N, C-alpha and C. Protein backbone atom coordinates (compact mmCIF):
# COMPACT_ATOMS: atom_id res chain seq x y z
N UNK A 1 6.88 14.19 22.67
CA UNK A 1 6.91 12.81 22.23
C UNK A 1 6.94 12.78 20.70
N UNK A 2 7.77 11.92 20.17
CA UNK A 2 7.85 11.76 18.72
C UNK A 2 6.60 11.08 18.20
N UNK A 3 6.23 11.41 16.98
CA UNK A 3 5.05 10.82 16.36
C UNK A 3 5.45 9.70 15.41
N UNK A 4 6.13 8.70 15.97
CA UNK A 4 6.51 7.52 15.20
C UNK A 4 6.10 6.28 15.96
N UNK A 5 5.89 5.19 15.24
CA UNK A 5 5.55 3.92 15.86
C UNK A 5 6.17 2.80 15.03
N UNK A 6 6.57 1.74 15.69
CA UNK A 6 7.07 0.55 15.00
C UNK A 6 5.93 -0.46 14.98
N UNK A 7 5.63 -0.98 13.79
CA UNK A 7 4.54 -1.94 13.62
C UNK A 7 5.04 -3.24 13.02
N UNK A 8 4.44 -4.32 13.45
CA UNK A 8 4.66 -5.63 12.86
C UNK A 8 3.35 -6.38 12.89
N UNK A 9 2.96 -6.96 11.78
CA UNK A 9 1.71 -7.71 11.71
C UNK A 9 1.93 -9.17 12.05
N UNK A 10 1.01 -9.74 12.79
CA UNK A 10 1.07 -11.15 13.17
C UNK A 10 1.21 -12.01 11.92
N UNK A 11 2.15 -12.94 11.96
CA UNK A 11 2.35 -13.85 10.84
C UNK A 11 3.28 -13.33 9.77
N UNK A 12 3.80 -12.11 9.94
CA UNK A 12 4.76 -11.57 8.98
C UNK A 12 6.07 -11.27 9.69
N UNK A 13 7.20 -11.40 9.01
CA UNK A 13 8.48 -11.16 9.67
C UNK A 13 8.90 -9.69 9.68
N UNK A 14 8.23 -8.86 8.91
CA UNK A 14 8.67 -7.48 8.71
C UNK A 14 8.28 -6.55 9.86
N UNK A 15 9.13 -5.57 10.10
CA UNK A 15 8.83 -4.46 11.00
C UNK A 15 8.85 -3.17 10.18
N UNK A 16 7.99 -2.24 10.55
CA UNK A 16 7.84 -0.99 9.81
C UNK A 16 7.91 0.19 10.76
N UNK A 17 8.59 1.24 10.35
CA UNK A 17 8.63 2.49 11.10
C UNK A 17 7.64 3.44 10.43
N UNK A 18 6.60 3.82 11.17
CA UNK A 18 5.59 4.75 10.66
C UNK A 18 5.87 6.11 11.27
N UNK A 19 6.13 7.10 10.43
CA UNK A 19 6.37 8.48 10.87
C UNK A 19 5.14 9.30 10.51
N UNK A 20 4.34 9.61 11.51
CA UNK A 20 3.08 10.31 11.26
C UNK A 20 3.30 11.74 10.78
N UNK A 21 4.34 12.41 11.30
CA UNK A 21 4.61 13.79 10.87
C UNK A 21 5.02 13.85 9.40
N UNK A 22 5.89 12.92 9.00
CA UNK A 22 6.38 12.90 7.62
C UNK A 22 5.41 12.18 6.67
N UNK A 23 4.49 11.38 7.23
CA UNK A 23 3.56 10.62 6.40
C UNK A 23 4.25 9.49 5.66
N UNK A 24 5.23 8.85 6.31
CA UNK A 24 5.99 7.79 5.66
C UNK A 24 5.91 6.47 6.43
N UNK A 25 6.12 5.39 5.71
CA UNK A 25 6.22 4.05 6.28
C UNK A 25 7.47 3.42 5.67
N UNK A 26 8.40 3.01 6.54
CA UNK A 26 9.70 2.52 6.08
C UNK A 26 10.01 1.18 6.73
N UNK A 27 10.44 0.18 5.94
CA UNK A 27 10.83 -1.09 6.56
C UNK A 27 12.10 -0.90 7.39
N UNK A 28 12.18 -1.60 8.53
CA UNK A 28 13.37 -1.53 9.36
C UNK A 28 13.82 -2.94 9.73
N UNK A 29 15.10 -3.09 10.01
CA UNK A 29 15.67 -4.36 10.45
C UNK A 29 16.50 -4.09 11.69
N UNK A 30 15.89 -4.27 12.88
CA UNK A 30 16.63 -3.98 14.11
C UNK A 30 17.73 -4.99 14.37
N UNK A 31 18.81 -4.50 14.94
CA UNK A 31 19.92 -5.36 15.35
C UNK A 31 19.50 -6.15 16.58
N UNK A 32 19.89 -7.41 16.64
CA UNK A 32 19.50 -8.29 17.73
C UNK A 32 19.99 -7.87 19.10
N UNK A 33 21.06 -7.06 19.17
CA UNK A 33 21.60 -6.68 20.47
C UNK A 33 21.11 -5.31 20.96
N UNK A 34 20.10 -4.73 20.30
CA UNK A 34 19.49 -3.48 20.75
C UNK A 34 18.17 -3.80 21.45
N UNK A 35 17.62 -2.87 22.22
CA UNK A 35 16.32 -3.13 22.85
C UNK A 35 15.23 -3.45 21.82
N UNK A 36 15.23 -2.76 20.67
CA UNK A 36 14.24 -3.07 19.64
C UNK A 36 14.49 -4.46 19.05
N UNK A 37 15.74 -4.82 18.88
CA UNK A 37 16.07 -6.16 18.40
C UNK A 37 15.63 -7.24 19.37
N UNK A 38 15.81 -6.98 20.65
CA UNK A 38 15.36 -7.93 21.66
C UNK A 38 13.84 -8.05 21.66
N UNK A 39 13.14 -6.91 21.48
CA UNK A 39 11.68 -6.94 21.38
C UNK A 39 11.25 -7.74 20.16
N UNK A 40 11.97 -7.58 19.06
CA UNK A 40 11.66 -8.34 17.84
C UNK A 40 11.85 -9.83 18.06
N UNK A 41 12.88 -10.21 18.78
CA UNK A 41 13.09 -11.63 19.09
C UNK A 41 11.93 -12.18 19.91
N UNK A 42 11.45 -11.41 20.87
CA UNK A 42 10.29 -11.84 21.66
C UNK A 42 9.05 -11.92 20.79
N UNK A 43 8.88 -10.96 19.88
CA UNK A 43 7.74 -10.96 18.95
C UNK A 43 7.76 -12.23 18.10
N UNK A 44 8.91 -12.59 17.59
CA UNK A 44 9.02 -13.79 16.75
C UNK A 44 8.71 -15.05 17.55
N UNK A 45 8.87 -14.98 18.86
CA UNK A 45 8.55 -16.11 19.73
C UNK A 45 7.07 -16.12 20.13
N UNK A 46 6.30 -15.13 19.66
CA UNK A 46 4.86 -15.13 19.90
C UNK A 46 4.36 -14.09 20.88
N UNK A 47 5.24 -13.29 21.47
CA UNK A 47 4.81 -12.27 22.43
C UNK A 47 4.27 -11.05 21.70
N UNK A 48 3.20 -10.47 22.21
CA UNK A 48 2.68 -9.21 21.69
C UNK A 48 3.15 -8.08 22.59
N UNK A 49 3.74 -7.06 21.99
CA UNK A 49 4.28 -5.94 22.75
C UNK A 49 3.54 -4.67 22.33
N UNK A 50 2.96 -3.97 23.33
CA UNK A 50 2.24 -2.73 23.06
C UNK A 50 2.70 -1.70 24.09
N UNK A 51 3.12 -0.54 23.61
CA UNK A 51 3.51 0.54 24.51
C UNK A 51 3.20 1.87 23.84
N UNK A 52 2.39 2.69 24.47
CA UNK A 52 2.11 4.03 23.96
C UNK A 52 1.15 4.08 22.79
N UNK A 53 0.43 2.99 22.54
CA UNK A 53 -0.55 2.94 21.45
C UNK A 53 -1.89 2.57 22.08
N UNK A 54 -2.94 3.36 21.81
CA UNK A 54 -4.22 3.03 22.41
C UNK A 54 -5.24 2.44 21.44
N UNK A 55 -4.93 2.46 20.14
CA UNK A 55 -5.78 1.77 19.15
C UNK A 55 -4.87 1.22 18.06
N UNK A 56 -5.00 -0.06 17.78
CA UNK A 56 -4.29 -0.70 16.67
C UNK A 56 -5.14 -1.88 16.22
N UNK A 57 -5.61 -1.82 14.99
CA UNK A 57 -6.47 -2.87 14.45
C UNK A 57 -5.99 -3.21 13.05
N UNK A 58 -5.71 -4.47 12.80
CA UNK A 58 -5.36 -4.90 11.45
C UNK A 58 -6.64 -5.01 10.64
N UNK A 59 -6.60 -4.52 9.42
CA UNK A 59 -7.78 -4.55 8.54
C UNK A 59 -7.39 -5.22 7.23
N UNK A 60 -8.38 -5.81 6.56
CA UNK A 60 -8.10 -6.51 5.31
C UNK A 60 -7.96 -5.56 4.13
N UNK A 61 -8.50 -4.33 4.25
CA UNK A 61 -8.36 -3.36 3.16
C UNK A 61 -8.53 -1.94 3.69
N UNK A 62 -7.90 -1.00 3.02
CA UNK A 62 -8.04 0.41 3.41
C UNK A 62 -9.43 0.92 3.08
N UNK A 63 -10.06 0.39 2.03
CA UNK A 63 -11.39 0.88 1.64
C UNK A 63 -12.42 0.58 2.72
N UNK A 64 -12.31 -0.57 3.38
CA UNK A 64 -13.23 -0.90 4.46
C UNK A 64 -13.09 0.06 5.63
N UNK A 65 -11.87 0.40 5.97
CA UNK A 65 -11.63 1.35 7.06
C UNK A 65 -12.15 2.71 6.68
N UNK A 66 -11.88 3.16 5.44
CA UNK A 66 -12.33 4.48 4.98
C UNK A 66 -13.84 4.60 4.98
N UNK A 67 -14.54 3.49 4.76
CA UNK A 67 -16.01 3.52 4.75
C UNK A 67 -16.60 3.36 6.14
N UNK A 68 -15.74 3.22 7.16
CA UNK A 68 -16.20 3.12 8.53
C UNK A 68 -16.49 1.71 9.00
N UNK A 69 -16.17 0.72 8.18
CA UNK A 69 -16.39 -0.68 8.56
C UNK A 69 -15.20 -1.17 9.37
N UNK A 70 -15.47 -1.68 10.56
CA UNK A 70 -14.41 -2.21 11.40
C UNK A 70 -14.88 -3.53 11.97
N UNK A 71 -14.30 -4.63 11.52
CA UNK A 71 -14.68 -5.96 11.97
C UNK A 71 -13.70 -6.40 13.04
N UNK A 72 -14.11 -6.33 14.29
CA UNK A 72 -13.26 -6.72 15.41
C UNK A 72 -13.69 -8.10 15.87
N UNK A 73 -12.79 -9.05 15.79
CA UNK A 73 -13.10 -10.41 16.21
C UNK A 73 -12.65 -10.66 17.61
């Protein structure tokens, strides 16, 4: 299995490709007629899509996460 994930934060239009092996985060713009583009269209309509990820938490700062603080609402 590849060590990449596509992320999008609620309330933002951007999608990001995170490559864990390379240690990179790259903005992506999927085409509307691809499966990822179709998923993006559903996301923009308010659907949350999760596949193959067992932990994902948005945080307000990296320093809070690094110090072990995790505020889950």
